[in-house]
Protein backbone atom coordinates (compact mmCIF):
# COMPACT_ATOMS: atom_id res chain seq x y z
CA MET A 1 0.00 0.00 0.00
CA ALA A 2 2.85 2.41 0.80
CA LYS A 3 4.14 2.70 -2.76
CA HIS A 4 0.68 3.74 -3.92
CA LEU A 5 0.50 6.45 -1.25
CA SER A 6 3.89 8.03 -1.94
CA TRP A 7 2.52 10.74 -4.25
CA TRP A 8 0.03 12.04 -1.65
CA LYS A 9 1.24 14.83 0.63
CA PHE A 10 -0.03 16.39 3.84
CA LYS A 11 1.50 19.73 4.83
CA GLU A 12 4.13 19.25 2.12
CA THR A 13 5.25 15.90 3.55
CA PRO A 14 4.58 12.60 1.74
CA ILE A 15 1.92 10.71 3.66
CA THR A 16 4.22 7.69 3.94
CA GLU A 17 6.70 9.79 5.96
CA LEU A 18 4.29 11.23 8.53
CA ASN A 19 5.00 10.28 12.17
CA GLN A 20 8.60 9.39 11.33
CA GLU A 21 11.47 10.99 13.22
CA GLY A 22 12.00 14.61 12.12
CA LYS A 23 8.69 14.69 10.22
CA PRO A 24 5.28 16.12 11.23
CA GLN A 25 3.51 14.11 13.92
CA VAL A 26 -0.23 13.49 13.54
CA ASP A 27 -2.82 11.35 15.29
CA ALA A 28 -2.06 7.72 14.37
CA THR A 29 -5.74 6.71 14.09
CA CYS A 30 -6.52 9.62 11.77
CA LEU A 31 -3.45 8.80 9.67
CA ASP A 32 -4.41 5.12 9.44
CA LEU A 33 -7.96 5.95 8.33
CA THR A 34 -6.62 8.45 5.81
CA ARG A 35 -4.19 5.87 4.41
CA LYS A 36 -6.97 3.31 4.02
CA ALA A 37 -9.18 5.85 2.25
CA LEU A 38 -6.33 6.92 -0.02
CA ASP A 39 -5.61 3.32 -0.90
CA VAL A 40 -9.17 3.03 -2.23
CA LEU A 41 -8.89 6.39 -4.01
CA ARG A 42 -5.35 5.82 -5.34
CA SER A 43 -6.48 5.33 -8.95
CA SER A 44 -7.11 9.09 -9.09
CA LYS A 45 -3.85 11.00 -9.14
CA GLU A 46 -5.58 14.36 -9.50
CA ALA A 47 -5.16 15.47 -5.87
CA GLN A 48 -1.66 15.09 -4.49
CA ASP A 49 -1.73 17.42 -1.50
CA ILE A 50 -3.94 16.53 1.42
CA VAL A 51 -5.58 19.47 3.12
CA GLU A 52 -7.12 17.59 6.05
CA LEU A 53 -6.71 14.12 7.54
CA ILE A 54 -9.81 12.06 8.21
CA LYS A 55 -10.94 12.56 11.79
CA PRO A 56 -13.97 10.35 12.44
CA ARG A 57 -16.85 11.58 14.53
CA GLN A 58 -17.26 10.29 18.08
CA TYR A 59 -20.83 9.64 19.20
CA GLY A 60 -22.77 7.83 21.90
CA ASP A 61 -24.33 4.55 20.79
CA GLU A 62 -27.69 3.20 22.01
CA TYR A 63 -25.99 1.92 25.20
CA GLY A 64 -24.34 5.27 26.01
CA ASP A 65 -20.85 4.09 25.08
CA ARG A 66 -18.54 6.33 23.04
CA THR A 67 -18.17 4.94 19.52
CA THR A 68 -16.10 6.03 16.54
CA ALA A 69 -17.88 6.38 13.21
CA ARG A 70 -16.76 4.02 10.45
CA ILE A 71 -15.60 5.43 7.13
CA LYS A 72 -17.08 3.37 4.30
CA LEU A 73 -16.01 3.72 0.68
CA GLU A 74 -18.54 1.41 -0.91
CA GLN A 75 -20.71 3.94 -2.75
CA THR A 76 -19.69 6.62 -5.23
CA GLN A 77 -20.94 9.54 -3.12
CA GLN A 78 -18.95 8.21 -0.14
CA ARG A 79 -15.72 8.11 -2.18
CA HIS A 80 -16.39 11.60 -3.56
CA ALA A 81 -17.05 12.99 -0.07
CA VAL A 82 -13.85 11.47 1.30
CA ALA A 83 -11.80 12.71 -1.66
CA ALA A 84 -13.19 16.25 -1.24
CA HIS A 85 -12.53 16.13 2.50
CA LEU A 86 -8.92 15.14 1.92
CA GLY A 87 -8.03 17.44 -0.96
CA LEU A 88 -10.15 20.60 -0.92
CA LYS A 89 -10.11 23.67 1.29
CA PRO A 90 -13.47 24.45 2.93
CA ILE A 91 -15.22 27.80 2.55
CA ASN A 92 -17.70 27.48 5.43
CA ASN A 93 -16.91 28.60 8.96
CA ARG A 94 -19.81 26.87 10.72
CA ARG A 95 -21.59 23.53 10.76
CA CYS A 96 -24.74 22.96 8.72
CA LYS A 97 -27.98 22.05 10.52
CA ASN A 98 -27.63 18.38 9.59
CA CYS A 99 -24.12 18.20 11.07
CA LYS A 100 -25.32 19.86 14.29
CA ASN A 101 -27.90 17.09 14.67
CA PRO A 102 -26.53 14.30 16.92
CA ARG A 103 -28.24 11.71 14.69
CA ASN A 104 -26.31 12.90 11.65
CA GLY A 105 -25.23 9.97 9.48
CA GLY A 106 -21.97 11.57 8.34
CA PRO A 107 -18.80 10.01 9.74
CA PHE A 108 -16.66 13.16 9.77
CA ASP A 109 -16.00 15.20 12.90
CA ASP A 110 -16.15 18.47 10.99
CA CYS A 111 -18.52 19.96 8.43
CA ARG A 112 -16.77 21.14 5.26
CA SER A 113 -18.43 22.84 2.29
CA PHE A 114 -16.32 23.60 -0.77
CA GLY A 115 -18.42 26.09 -2.72
CA PRO A 116 -21.22 25.80 -5.27
CA ASP A 117 -19.11 23.84 -7.78
CA VAL A 118 -18.61 20.84 -5.45
CA PHE A 119 -21.72 18.84 -4.47
CA LYS A 120 -23.76 21.96 -5.40
CA GLY A 121 -22.49 23.58 -2.22
CA ALA A 122 -23.44 20.77 0.19
CA CYS A 123 -20.98 19.69 2.87
CA GLN A 124 -19.02 16.45 2.68
CA CYS A 125 -21.02 14.84 5.53
CA CYS A 126 -24.33 15.37 3.78
CA GLN A 127 -22.82 14.18 0.48
CA TYR A 128 -21.42 11.08 2.19
CA SER A 129 -24.85 10.28 3.68
CA SER A 130 -26.70 10.83 0.35
CA GLN A 131 -28.41 13.86 1.93
CA ALA A 132 -26.71 16.62 -0.08
CA HIS A 133 -30.08 17.99 -1.21
CA LYS A 134 -31.04 18.52 2.47
CA CYS A 135 -27.83 20.35 3.43
CA GLU A 136 -28.42 24.01 4.25
CA PHE A 137 -25.36 24.93 2.14
CA HIS A 138 -26.86 23.24 -0.96
CA ALA A 139 -27.59 25.59 -3.87
CA SER A 140 -31.32 24.73 -3.80
CA LYS A 141 -31.53 25.96 -0.19
CA LYS A 142 -29.89 29.26 -1.15
CA ASP A 143 -32.62 29.72 -3.79
CA GLU A 144 -35.29 29.12 -1.13
CA GLU A 145 -33.67 31.73 1.12
CA SER A 146 -33.61 34.29 -1.67
CA ASP A 147 -37.30 33.56 -2.38
CA ASP A 148 -38.12 34.28 1.28
CA ASN A 149 -36.13 37.51 1.13
CA ALA A 150 -38.02 38.54 -2.01
CA TRP A 151 -41.35 38.56 -0.10
CA PRO A 152 -42.52 42.16 0.32
CA THR A 153 -41.89 43.64 3.73
CA ILE A 154 -44.49 45.82 5.42
CA THR A 155 -42.86 48.77 7.11
CA GLN A 156 -44.19 51.15 9.75
CA GLU A 157 -44.18 53.89 7.14
CA MET A 158 -46.42 51.84 4.83
CA LEU A 159 -48.83 51.13 7.70
CA LYS A 160 -49.07 54.84 8.57
CA LYS A 161 -49.88 55.72 4.95
CA ALA A 162 -52.56 53.02 4.60
CA THR A 163 -56.21 53.78 5.25
CA THR A 164 -58.12 51.96 7.97
CA ARG A 165 -60.06 50.09 5.31
CA GLN A 166 -56.84 48.90 3.64
CA LEU A 167 -55.43 47.72 6.97
CA GLU A 168 -58.64 45.84 7.85
CA GLN A 169 -58.66 44.17 4.41
CA THR A 170 -55.02 43.10 4.84
CA VAL A 171 -55.80 41.64 8.27
CA ARG A 172 -58.78 39.70 6.82
CA TRP A 173 -56.58 38.29 4.01
CA CYS A 174 -53.91 37.24 6.49
CA LYS A 175 -56.43 35.60 8.85
CA ALA A 176 -58.12 33.77 5.97
CA GLU A 177 -54.77 32.49 4.73
CA LEU A 178 -53.76 31.31 8.21
CA ASN A 179 -57.14 29.57 8.67
CA ASP A 180 -56.76 27.85 5.30
CA ARG A 181 -53.27 26.66 6.19
CA GLU A 182 -54.38 25.34 9.58
CA GLY A 183 -57.27 23.49 7.94
CA LEU A 184 -55.04 22.02 5.23
CA ALA A 185 -52.50 20.87 7.78
CA SER A 186 -55.04 18.63 9.57
CA PHE A 187 -57.11 17.43 6.59
CA PRO A 188 -57.60 18.39 2.92
CA PRO A 189 -60.62 20.52 2.06
CA SER A 190 -63.69 18.73 0.76
CA ALA A 191 -64.65 18.93 -2.90
CA LYS A 192 -67.47 21.37 -2.03
CA LYS A 193 -65.10 23.81 -0.30
CA ARG A 194 -62.65 23.60 -3.20
CA CYS A 195 -65.41 24.37 -5.70
CA ARG A 196 -66.59 27.44 -3.75
CA ALA A 197 -63.15 28.95 -3.53
């Protein structure tokens, strides 16, 4: 395995030389996991410098014991997520909502998003878990945010300029919409109600 890993570097040191005398010292478990992942990914010589070693997430299992997440490289999205984790610099400075969730299925200790060109902005944990479309960094979520921001805002100035009749009509529209939403949440409207509307 070592000869296949010789072209990969971490902090300008070949990965095969890490933890040797006079070379950078890193966590042995993280290095071992990284070597195993690189051995699977070795057919791709595109990335030669490693930005981050694999540090698996620690979590409590159903018995309350501390367990280390396993890194699997069986599916394509898992290999892509691991490769991105190893070779790309992240642009995010916080964890996504999925990674904050203790039931998150991603095996990585940190949440790393690499911009809109990689996994459409999703982090490597969500990509690994086949949940990229649910990641808050995903491009589709950014579109939803911009749609919310496009909704017209009612200001105090607008309210002062409106007539009493206009304000009452706006309140009626809002109440009717809220009532419709509450009714739809519990059960769909009957055919008669749909026809009247």
